[in-house]
Amino acid sequence: MPFAEITRLSPNCDGSVPHERLGVVFHHSVISFDETIALMTDPARKVSYHCLIAPDGTRCTLVPDEKVAWHAGVSSFRGRPGCNAFLLGLSFAGDTYAAPLTDAQLASALEWLAPRWRQHHWSLDWMTDHRQVAPGRKDDLNPVEWTRLYAVLGNKFSQAM
């Protein structure tokens, strides 16, 4: 059964620009789903994700895929700086150090990822978390939860797509 989806567009993004979509940076928001939406839609905050997933699996689109969300900041991945330009930003509401990702969050993330995985021909090599693209500056996801999420991604996409 598909998860509920809402849209609350954030002004904190760059307009449509030609760019690659090579994969995803996973985040946690630390705060609740509703608080995160309020923060991401505040133009004074200058931060956004493409998608936010609540503990019950509800998803909120904040920035369309064809726009650049401001989620990674100063970052680098696989030798390329500026991850916002080539990686989508997907965040889980909450703090993965305080509580693990829920089964609904994981299932909703897989549901969100599936059509993009097919469209962009992604591989696990281009999946990462904020901690890895901004080491020393960011600590999300909890390494235990990143390992768990990465295993779920591998089980779903390494064979089926």
N, C-alpha and C. Protein backbone atom coordinates (compact mmCIF):
# COMPACT_ATOMS: atom_id res chain seq x y z
N MET A 1 0.84 -1.18 0.00
CA MET A 1 0.00 0.00 0.00
C MET A 1 0.89 1.24 0.00
N PRO A 2 0.64 2.17 -0.89
CA PRO A 2 1.46 3.39 -0.95
C PRO A 2 1.31 4.24 0.30
N PHE A 3 2.37 4.92 0.63
CA PHE A 3 2.36 5.83 1.76
C PHE A 3 1.75 7.17 1.36
N ALA A 4 1.18 7.86 2.34
CA ALA A 4 0.60 9.18 2.09
C ALA A 4 1.70 10.15 1.68
N GLU A 5 1.33 11.06 0.77
CA GLU A 5 2.27 12.07 0.30
C GLU A 5 1.61 13.44 0.35
N ILE A 6 2.37 14.41 0.83
CA ILE A 6 1.92 15.80 0.80
C ILE A 6 3.02 16.63 0.14
N THR A 7 2.67 17.81 -0.28
CA THR A 7 3.64 18.73 -0.87
C THR A 7 3.57 20.06 -0.13
N ARG A 8 4.70 20.53 0.31
CA ARG A 8 4.85 21.85 0.92
C ARG A 8 6.13 22.43 0.32
N LEU A 9 6.00 23.15 -0.77
CA LEU A 9 7.17 23.59 -1.51
C LEU A 9 8.00 24.61 -0.74
N SER A 10 9.29 24.35 -0.72
CA SER A 10 10.24 25.22 -0.05
C SER A 10 10.78 26.25 -1.04
N PRO A 11 10.95 27.49 -0.61
CA PRO A 11 11.59 28.48 -1.46
C PRO A 11 13.12 28.33 -1.47
N ASN A 12 13.62 27.44 -0.63
CA ASN A 12 15.05 27.29 -0.43
C ASN A 12 15.66 26.29 -1.41
N CYS A 13 15.73 26.73 -2.66
CA CYS A 13 16.26 25.88 -3.71
C CYS A 13 16.66 26.75 -4.90
N ASP A 14 17.38 26.14 -5.82
CA ASP A 14 17.72 26.80 -7.07
C ASP A 14 16.74 26.34 -8.12
N GLY A 15 16.38 27.22 -9.04
CA GLY A 15 15.44 26.89 -10.10
C GLY A 15 15.92 25.76 -10.99
N SER A 16 15.09 25.40 -11.92
CA SER A 16 15.43 24.32 -12.84
C SER A 16 16.74 24.61 -13.56
N VAL A 17 17.65 23.71 -13.42
CA VAL A 17 18.95 23.82 -14.09
C VAL A 17 19.33 22.44 -14.59
N PRO A 18 20.03 22.38 -15.70
CA PRO A 18 20.46 21.05 -16.16
C PRO A 18 21.54 20.51 -15.23
N HIS A 19 21.31 19.37 -14.67
CA HIS A 19 22.29 18.73 -13.80
C HIS A 19 21.99 17.24 -13.72
N GLU A 20 22.98 16.52 -13.30
CA GLU A 20 22.83 15.08 -13.16
C GLU A 20 22.15 14.76 -11.84
N ARG A 21 21.54 13.63 -11.80
CA ARG A 21 20.98 13.07 -10.58
C ARG A 21 21.63 11.71 -10.41
N LEU A 22 22.76 11.70 -9.72
CA LEU A 22 23.55 10.48 -9.63
C LEU A 22 23.20 9.59 -8.45
N GLY A 23 22.47 10.14 -7.46
CA GLY A 23 22.14 9.35 -6.28
C GLY A 23 21.49 10.21 -5.22
N VAL A 24 21.69 9.81 -3.96
CA VAL A 24 20.99 10.44 -2.84
C VAL A 24 21.92 10.62 -1.64
N VAL A 25 21.75 11.77 -0.98
CA VAL A 25 22.32 11.98 0.35
C VAL A 25 21.17 11.80 1.34
N PHE A 26 21.35 10.90 2.31
CA PHE A 26 20.34 10.67 3.34
C PHE A 26 20.68 11.49 4.57
N HIS A 27 19.64 12.04 5.17
CA HIS A 27 19.78 12.90 6.34
C HIS A 27 18.80 12.47 7.42
N HIS A 28 18.99 13.01 8.62
CA HIS A 28 17.91 13.01 9.62
C HIS A 28 17.74 14.46 10.04
N SER A 29 16.51 14.82 10.37
CA SER A 29 16.21 16.22 10.64
C SER A 29 16.39 16.62 12.10
N VAL A 30 16.54 15.66 12.99
CA VAL A 30 16.64 15.83 14.43
C VAL A 30 15.30 16.20 15.05
N ILE A 31 14.54 17.07 14.42
CA ILE A 31 13.26 17.53 14.96
C ILE A 31 12.10 16.77 14.31
N SER A 32 10.89 17.06 14.76
CA SER A 32 9.70 16.34 14.27
C SER A 32 9.40 16.67 12.80
N PHE A 33 8.53 15.88 12.23
CA PHE A 33 8.08 16.05 10.84
C PHE A 33 7.52 17.45 10.62
N ASP A 34 6.55 17.86 11.45
CA ASP A 34 5.92 19.17 11.28
C ASP A 34 6.91 20.32 11.52
N GLU A 35 7.75 20.19 12.53
CA GLU A 35 8.75 21.22 12.79
C GLU A 35 9.73 21.34 11.62
N THR A 36 10.09 20.21 11.04
CA THR A 36 11.02 20.22 9.90
C THR A 36 10.39 20.91 8.70
N ILE A 37 9.13 20.62 8.42
CA ILE A 37 8.44 21.28 7.31
C ILE A 37 8.42 22.79 7.52
N ALA A 38 8.11 23.22 8.73
CA ALA A 38 8.10 24.66 9.02
C ALA A 38 9.47 25.28 8.80
N LEU A 39 10.50 24.61 9.23
CA LEU A 39 11.87 25.10 9.05
C LEU A 39 12.25 25.16 7.57
N MET A 40 11.93 24.10 6.84
CA MET A 40 12.32 24.01 5.43
C MET A 40 11.55 25.00 4.54
N THR A 41 10.40 25.42 4.97
CA THR A 41 9.61 26.37 4.16
C THR A 41 9.80 27.82 4.60
N ASP A 42 10.69 28.05 5.55
CA ASP A 42 11.02 29.40 6.01
C ASP A 42 12.14 29.95 5.13
N PRO A 43 11.88 30.97 4.32
CA PRO A 43 12.91 31.48 3.41
C PRO A 43 14.15 32.03 4.13
N ALA A 44 14.03 32.38 5.38
CA ALA A 44 15.18 32.89 6.12
C ALA A 44 16.16 31.78 6.48
N ARG A 45 15.73 30.53 6.44
CA ARG A 45 16.57 29.42 6.88
C ARG A 45 17.57 28.93 5.83
N LYS A 46 17.27 29.09 4.57
CA LYS A 46 18.18 28.72 3.48
C LYS A 46 18.60 27.25 3.51
N VAL A 47 17.64 26.38 3.82
CA VAL A 47 17.91 24.95 3.85
C VAL A 47 16.66 24.20 3.39
N SER A 48 16.87 23.07 2.73
CA SER A 48 15.73 22.27 2.26
C SER A 48 16.19 20.86 1.90
N TYR A 49 15.24 19.98 1.79
CA TYR A 49 15.45 18.62 1.28
C TYR A 49 14.52 18.46 0.09
N HIS A 50 14.76 17.44 -0.71
CA HIS A 50 13.78 17.10 -1.74
C HIS A 50 12.56 16.44 -1.09
N CYS A 51 12.84 15.56 -0.13
CA CYS A 51 11.75 14.81 0.49
C CYS A 51 12.06 14.57 1.96
N LEU A 52 11.01 14.58 2.77
CA LEU A 52 11.09 14.30 4.20
C LEU A 52 10.13 13.16 4.50
N ILE A 53 10.57 12.20 5.33
CA ILE A 53 9.74 11.05 5.66
C ILE A 53 9.48 11.00 7.17
N ALA A 54 8.20 10.99 7.54
CA ALA A 54 7.76 10.92 8.93
C ALA A 54 7.93 9.50 9.47
N PRO A 55 7.92 9.34 10.79
CA PRO A 55 8.01 7.99 11.36
C PRO A 55 6.91 7.04 10.89
N ASP A 56 5.73 7.56 10.53
CA ASP A 56 4.65 6.69 10.03
C ASP A 56 4.76 6.43 8.53
N GLY A 57 5.82 6.95 7.89
CA GLY A 57 6.03 6.74 6.46
C GLY A 57 5.47 7.82 5.57
N THR A 58 4.69 8.75 6.10
CA THR A 58 4.17 9.86 5.30
C THR A 58 5.35 10.64 4.72
N ARG A 59 5.24 10.98 3.45
CA ARG A 59 6.29 11.74 2.79
C ARG A 59 5.82 13.15 2.48
N CYS A 60 6.75 14.09 2.58
CA CYS A 60 6.49 15.47 2.18
C CYS A 60 7.51 15.87 1.13
N THR A 61 7.02 16.24 -0.06
CA THR A 61 7.90 16.79 -1.08
C THR A 61 8.10 18.26 -0.76
N LEU A 62 9.35 18.65 -0.63
CA LEU A 62 9.70 20.04 -0.33
C LEU A 62 10.30 20.73 -1.54
N VAL A 63 11.05 20.00 -2.34
CA VAL A 63 11.68 20.54 -3.55
C VAL A 63 11.53 19.48 -4.65
N PRO A 64 11.00 19.85 -5.81
CA PRO A 64 10.90 18.88 -6.91
C PRO A 64 12.30 18.40 -7.33
N ASP A 65 12.34 17.18 -7.83
CA ASP A 65 13.62 16.58 -8.22
C ASP A 65 14.40 17.42 -9.23
N GLU A 66 13.71 18.14 -10.08
CA GLU A 66 14.41 18.88 -11.14
C GLU A 66 15.04 20.17 -10.63
N LYS A 67 14.83 20.49 -9.36
CA LYS A 67 15.46 21.66 -8.77
C LYS A 67 16.55 21.22 -7.79
N VAL A 68 17.43 22.14 -7.47
CA VAL A 68 18.52 21.86 -6.54
C VAL A 68 18.10 22.29 -5.14
N ALA A 69 17.92 21.31 -4.26
CA ALA A 69 17.63 21.60 -2.85
C ALA A 69 18.94 21.93 -2.13
N TRP A 70 18.83 22.72 -1.10
CA TRP A 70 20.01 23.14 -0.34
C TRP A 70 20.14 22.27 0.90
N HIS A 71 20.58 21.04 0.72
CA HIS A 71 20.60 20.06 1.80
C HIS A 71 21.98 19.64 2.27
N ALA A 72 22.98 19.71 1.45
CA ALA A 72 24.28 19.17 1.82
C ALA A 72 25.30 20.23 2.22
N GLY A 73 25.08 21.48 1.86
CA GLY A 73 26.03 22.53 2.19
C GLY A 73 27.39 22.27 1.57
N VAL A 74 28.43 22.69 2.26
CA VAL A 74 29.80 22.42 1.80
C VAL A 74 29.99 20.92 1.90
N SER A 75 30.20 20.28 0.75
CA SER A 75 30.21 18.82 0.72
C SER A 75 31.00 18.32 -0.49
N SER A 76 31.35 17.05 -0.40
CA SER A 76 32.07 16.40 -1.49
C SER A 76 31.78 14.90 -1.43
N PHE A 77 31.61 14.29 -2.60
CA PHE A 77 31.39 12.85 -2.65
C PHE A 77 32.01 12.28 -3.91
N ARG A 78 32.75 11.22 -3.74
CA ARG A 78 33.43 10.53 -4.86
C ARG A 78 34.25 11.52 -5.68
N GLY A 79 34.93 12.43 -4.99
CA GLY A 79 35.82 13.38 -5.65
C GLY A 79 35.13 14.59 -6.27
N ARG A 80 33.82 14.69 -6.09
CA ARG A 80 33.07 15.81 -6.67
C ARG A 80 32.57 16.74 -5.57
N PRO A 81 32.89 18.02 -5.64
CA PRO A 81 32.38 18.96 -4.65
C PRO A 81 30.94 19.39 -4.96
N GLY A 82 30.28 19.96 -3.97
CA GLY A 82 28.94 20.52 -4.19
C GLY A 82 27.88 19.48 -4.45
N CYS A 83 27.64 18.62 -3.48
CA CYS A 83 26.71 17.49 -3.65
C CYS A 83 25.29 17.91 -4.00
N ASN A 84 24.87 19.11 -3.61
CA ASN A 84 23.51 19.55 -3.94
C ASN A 84 23.24 19.48 -5.44
N ALA A 85 24.25 19.72 -6.25
CA ALA A 85 24.07 19.78 -7.70
C ALA A 85 23.86 18.41 -8.34
N PHE A 86 24.26 17.32 -7.67
CA PHE A 86 24.16 16.02 -8.34
C PHE A 86 23.56 14.91 -7.49
N LEU A 87 23.21 15.20 -6.23
CA LEU A 87 22.57 14.21 -5.37
C LEU A 87 21.28 14.77 -4.77
N LEU A 88 20.21 14.00 -4.83
CA LEU A 88 18.97 14.41 -4.18
C LEU A 88 19.13 14.30 -2.67
N GLY A 89 18.34 15.08 -1.94
CA GLY A 89 18.37 15.05 -0.49
C GLY A 89 17.10 14.44 0.08
N LEU A 90 17.25 13.31 0.77
CA LEU A 90 16.12 12.63 1.41
C LEU A 90 16.38 12.59 2.91
N SER A 91 15.44 13.12 3.69
CA SER A 91 15.62 13.16 5.14
C SER A 91 14.54 12.36 5.85
N PHE A 92 14.96 11.78 6.95
CA PHE A 92 14.04 11.11 7.86
C PHE A 92 13.79 12.06 9.03
N ALA A 93 12.52 12.30 9.36
CA ALA A 93 12.20 13.15 10.50
C ALA A 93 12.66 12.44 11.78
N GLY A 94 13.27 13.19 12.66
CA GLY A 94 13.74 12.64 13.92
C GLY A 94 15.26 12.57 13.97
N ASP A 95 15.75 11.98 15.02
CA ASP A 95 17.18 11.89 15.30
C ASP A 95 17.56 10.42 15.38
N THR A 96 18.36 9.95 14.45
CA THR A 96 18.72 8.53 14.41
C THR A 96 19.68 8.13 15.53
N TYR A 97 20.17 9.09 16.29
CA TYR A 97 20.95 8.76 17.49
C TYR A 97 20.01 8.51 18.67
N ALA A 98 18.85 9.13 18.67
CA ALA A 98 17.89 8.99 19.77
C ALA A 98 16.93 7.81 19.55
N ALA A 99 16.60 7.52 18.29
CA ALA A 99 15.67 6.44 17.97
C ALA A 99 15.99 5.90 16.58
N PRO A 100 15.89 4.60 16.39
CA PRO A 100 16.17 4.04 15.07
C PRO A 100 15.11 4.43 14.05
N LEU A 101 15.47 4.33 12.79
CA LEU A 101 14.48 4.51 11.72
C LEU A 101 13.37 3.48 11.90
N THR A 102 12.15 3.89 11.63
CA THR A 102 11.03 2.96 11.74
C THR A 102 10.95 2.10 10.48
N ASP A 103 10.28 0.98 10.60
CA ASP A 103 10.06 0.14 9.43
C ASP A 103 9.28 0.91 8.36
N ALA A 104 8.33 1.75 8.80
CA ALA A 104 7.56 2.56 7.84
C ALA A 104 8.46 3.57 7.13
N GLN A 105 9.40 4.18 7.83
CA GLN A 105 10.32 5.11 7.17
C GLN A 105 11.15 4.39 6.12
N LEU A 106 11.65 3.22 6.45
CA LEU A 106 12.46 2.46 5.49
C LEU A 106 11.62 2.05 4.28
N ALA A 107 10.43 1.55 4.51
CA ALA A 107 9.56 1.13 3.40
C ALA A 107 9.17 2.32 2.54
N SER A 108 8.87 3.45 3.16
CA SER A 108 8.51 4.65 2.40
C SER A 108 9.69 5.15 1.57
N ALA A 109 10.88 5.09 2.13
CA ALA A 109 12.07 5.49 1.38
C ALA A 109 12.26 4.60 0.16
N LEU A 110 12.08 3.30 0.32
CA LEU A 110 12.20 2.39 -0.83
C LEU A 110 11.16 2.71 -1.89
N GLU A 111 9.95 3.01 -1.46
CA GLU A 111 8.87 3.37 -2.39
C GLU A 111 9.23 4.65 -3.15
N TRP A 112 9.78 5.64 -2.46
CA TRP A 112 10.18 6.91 -3.08
C TRP A 112 11.36 6.69 -4.03
N LEU A 113 12.27 5.85 -3.64
CA LEU A 113 13.48 5.62 -4.44
C LEU A 113 13.23 4.80 -5.70
N ALA A 114 12.33 3.85 -5.67
CA ALA A 114 12.17 2.88 -6.76
C ALA A 114 12.03 3.51 -8.15
N PRO A 115 11.11 4.45 -8.37
CA PRO A 115 11.01 5.01 -9.73
C PRO A 115 12.25 5.82 -10.12
N ARG A 116 12.87 6.47 -9.17
CA ARG A 116 14.08 7.26 -9.45
C ARG A 116 15.26 6.34 -9.77
N TRP A 117 15.32 5.23 -9.06
CA TRP A 117 16.38 4.25 -9.28
C TRP A 117 16.33 3.74 -10.73
N ARG A 118 15.12 3.42 -11.16
CA ARG A 118 14.95 2.95 -12.55
C ARG A 118 15.26 4.06 -13.55
N GLN A 119 14.71 5.24 -13.32
CA GLN A 119 14.86 6.36 -14.25
C GLN A 119 16.33 6.77 -14.43
N HIS A 120 17.06 6.84 -13.33
CA HIS A 120 18.43 7.35 -13.38
C HIS A 120 19.49 6.26 -13.43
N HIS A 121 19.06 4.99 -13.36
CA HIS A 121 19.99 3.85 -13.40
C HIS A 121 21.04 3.96 -12.29
N TRP A 122 20.55 4.23 -11.08
CA TRP A 122 21.44 4.41 -9.93
C TRP A 122 22.08 3.11 -9.51
N SER A 123 23.15 3.25 -8.74
CA SER A 123 23.80 2.11 -8.10
C SER A 123 24.02 2.46 -6.64
N LEU A 124 24.30 1.46 -5.82
CA LEU A 124 24.57 1.68 -4.41
C LEU A 124 25.79 2.59 -4.20
N ASP A 125 26.68 2.64 -5.18
CA ASP A 125 27.88 3.46 -5.06
C ASP A 125 27.57 4.95 -4.91
N TRP A 126 26.37 5.37 -5.30
CA TRP A 126 26.00 6.78 -5.26
C TRP A 126 24.97 7.07 -4.18
N MET A 127 24.85 6.16 -3.22
CA MET A 127 24.02 6.38 -2.04
C MET A 127 24.96 6.69 -0.88
N THR A 128 24.65 7.74 -0.13
CA THR A 128 25.52 8.14 0.97
C THR A 128 24.70 8.87 2.02
N ASP A 129 25.36 9.24 3.10
CA ASP A 129 24.66 10.04 4.10
C ASP A 129 25.43 11.33 4.34
N HIS A 130 24.80 12.25 5.05
CA HIS A 130 25.35 13.58 5.25
C HIS A 130 26.70 13.52 5.98
N ARG A 131 26.82 12.58 6.89
CA ARG A 131 28.06 12.40 7.64
C ARG A 131 29.24 12.16 6.71
N GLN A 132 29.01 11.41 5.64
CA GLN A 132 30.10 11.04 4.73
C GLN A 132 30.44 12.14 3.73
N VAL A 133 29.50 12.98 3.39
CA VAL A 133 29.79 14.05 2.41
C VAL A 133 30.26 15.33 3.07
N ALA A 134 30.07 15.42 4.39
CA ALA A 134 30.50 16.60 5.15
C ALA A 134 31.15 16.14 6.47
N PRO A 135 32.22 15.33 6.37
CA PRO A 135 32.82 14.78 7.59
C PRO A 135 33.34 15.87 8.52
N GLY A 136 33.09 15.65 9.81
CA GLY A 136 33.51 16.62 10.80
C GLY A 136 32.55 17.77 10.97
N ARG A 137 31.67 17.97 10.00
CA ARG A 137 30.70 19.05 10.06
C ARG A 137 29.31 18.53 10.38
N LYS A 138 28.97 17.37 9.88
CA LYS A 138 27.64 16.77 10.09
C LYS A 138 27.80 15.34 10.59
N ASP A 139 26.81 14.88 11.38
CA ASP A 139 26.91 13.53 11.94
C ASP A 139 25.73 12.63 11.59
N ASP A 140 24.88 13.05 10.65
CA ASP A 140 23.74 12.21 10.29
C ASP A 140 24.05 11.43 9.01
N LEU A 141 23.65 10.22 9.07
CA LEU A 141 22.88 9.40 9.97
C LEU A 141 23.79 8.75 11.03
N ASN A 142 23.16 8.28 12.11
CA ASN A 142 23.88 7.44 13.05
C ASN A 142 24.50 6.30 12.24
N PRO A 143 25.80 6.01 12.40
CA PRO A 143 26.44 4.96 11.60
C PRO A 143 25.71 3.61 11.64
N VAL A 144 25.13 3.26 12.78
CA VAL A 144 24.37 2.01 12.87
C VAL A 144 23.16 2.06 11.95
N GLU A 145 22.47 3.19 11.93
CA GLU A 145 21.29 3.32 11.07
C GLU A 145 21.68 3.44 9.59
N TRP A 146 22.81 4.07 9.31
CA TRP A 146 23.29 4.11 7.92
C TRP A 146 23.58 2.70 7.43
N THR A 147 24.24 1.90 8.24
CA THR A 147 24.55 0.52 7.86
C THR A 147 23.27 -0.26 7.61
N ARG A 148 22.29 -0.07 8.47
CA ARG A 148 20.99 -0.73 8.32
C ARG A 148 20.29 -0.29 7.04
N LEU A 149 20.24 1.02 6.80
CA LEU A 149 19.60 1.54 5.59
C LEU A 149 20.32 1.04 4.34
N TYR A 150 21.62 1.07 4.34
CA TYR A 150 22.40 0.64 3.18
C TYR A 150 22.12 -0.84 2.86
N ALA A 151 22.00 -1.66 3.90
CA ALA A 151 21.67 -3.08 3.69
C ALA A 151 20.29 -3.23 3.08
N VAL A 152 19.33 -2.45 3.56
CA VAL A 152 17.97 -2.49 3.01
C VAL A 152 18.00 -2.08 1.53
N LEU A 153 18.75 -1.03 1.21
CA LEU A 153 18.88 -0.59 -0.18
C LEU A 153 19.49 -1.70 -1.04
N GLY A 154 20.53 -2.31 -0.53
CA GLY A 154 21.18 -3.39 -1.27
C GLY A 154 20.26 -4.56 -1.51
N ASN A 155 19.49 -4.93 -0.50
CA ASN A 155 18.55 -6.04 -0.65
C ASN A 155 17.48 -5.74 -1.68
N LYS A 156 17.03 -4.50 -1.73
CA LYS A 156 15.95 -4.12 -2.65
C LYS A 156 16.46 -3.88 -4.07
N PHE A 157 17.55 -3.13 -4.21
CA PHE A 157 17.92 -2.63 -5.53
C PHE A 157 19.07 -3.37 -6.21
N SER A 158 19.88 -4.07 -5.50
CA SER A 158 21.00 -4.73 -6.17
C SER A 158 20.54 -5.89 -7.05
N GLN A 159 19.39 -6.45 -6.75
CA GLN A 159 18.90 -7.57 -7.54
C GLN A 159 17.71 -7.22 -8.43
N ALA A 160 16.83 -6.33 -7.96
CA ALA A 160 15.58 -6.08 -8.67
C ALA A 160 15.68 -5.03 -9.77
N MET A 161 16.63 -4.13 -9.67
CA MET A 161 16.66 -3.05 -10.63
C MET A 161 17.83 -3.28 -11.56
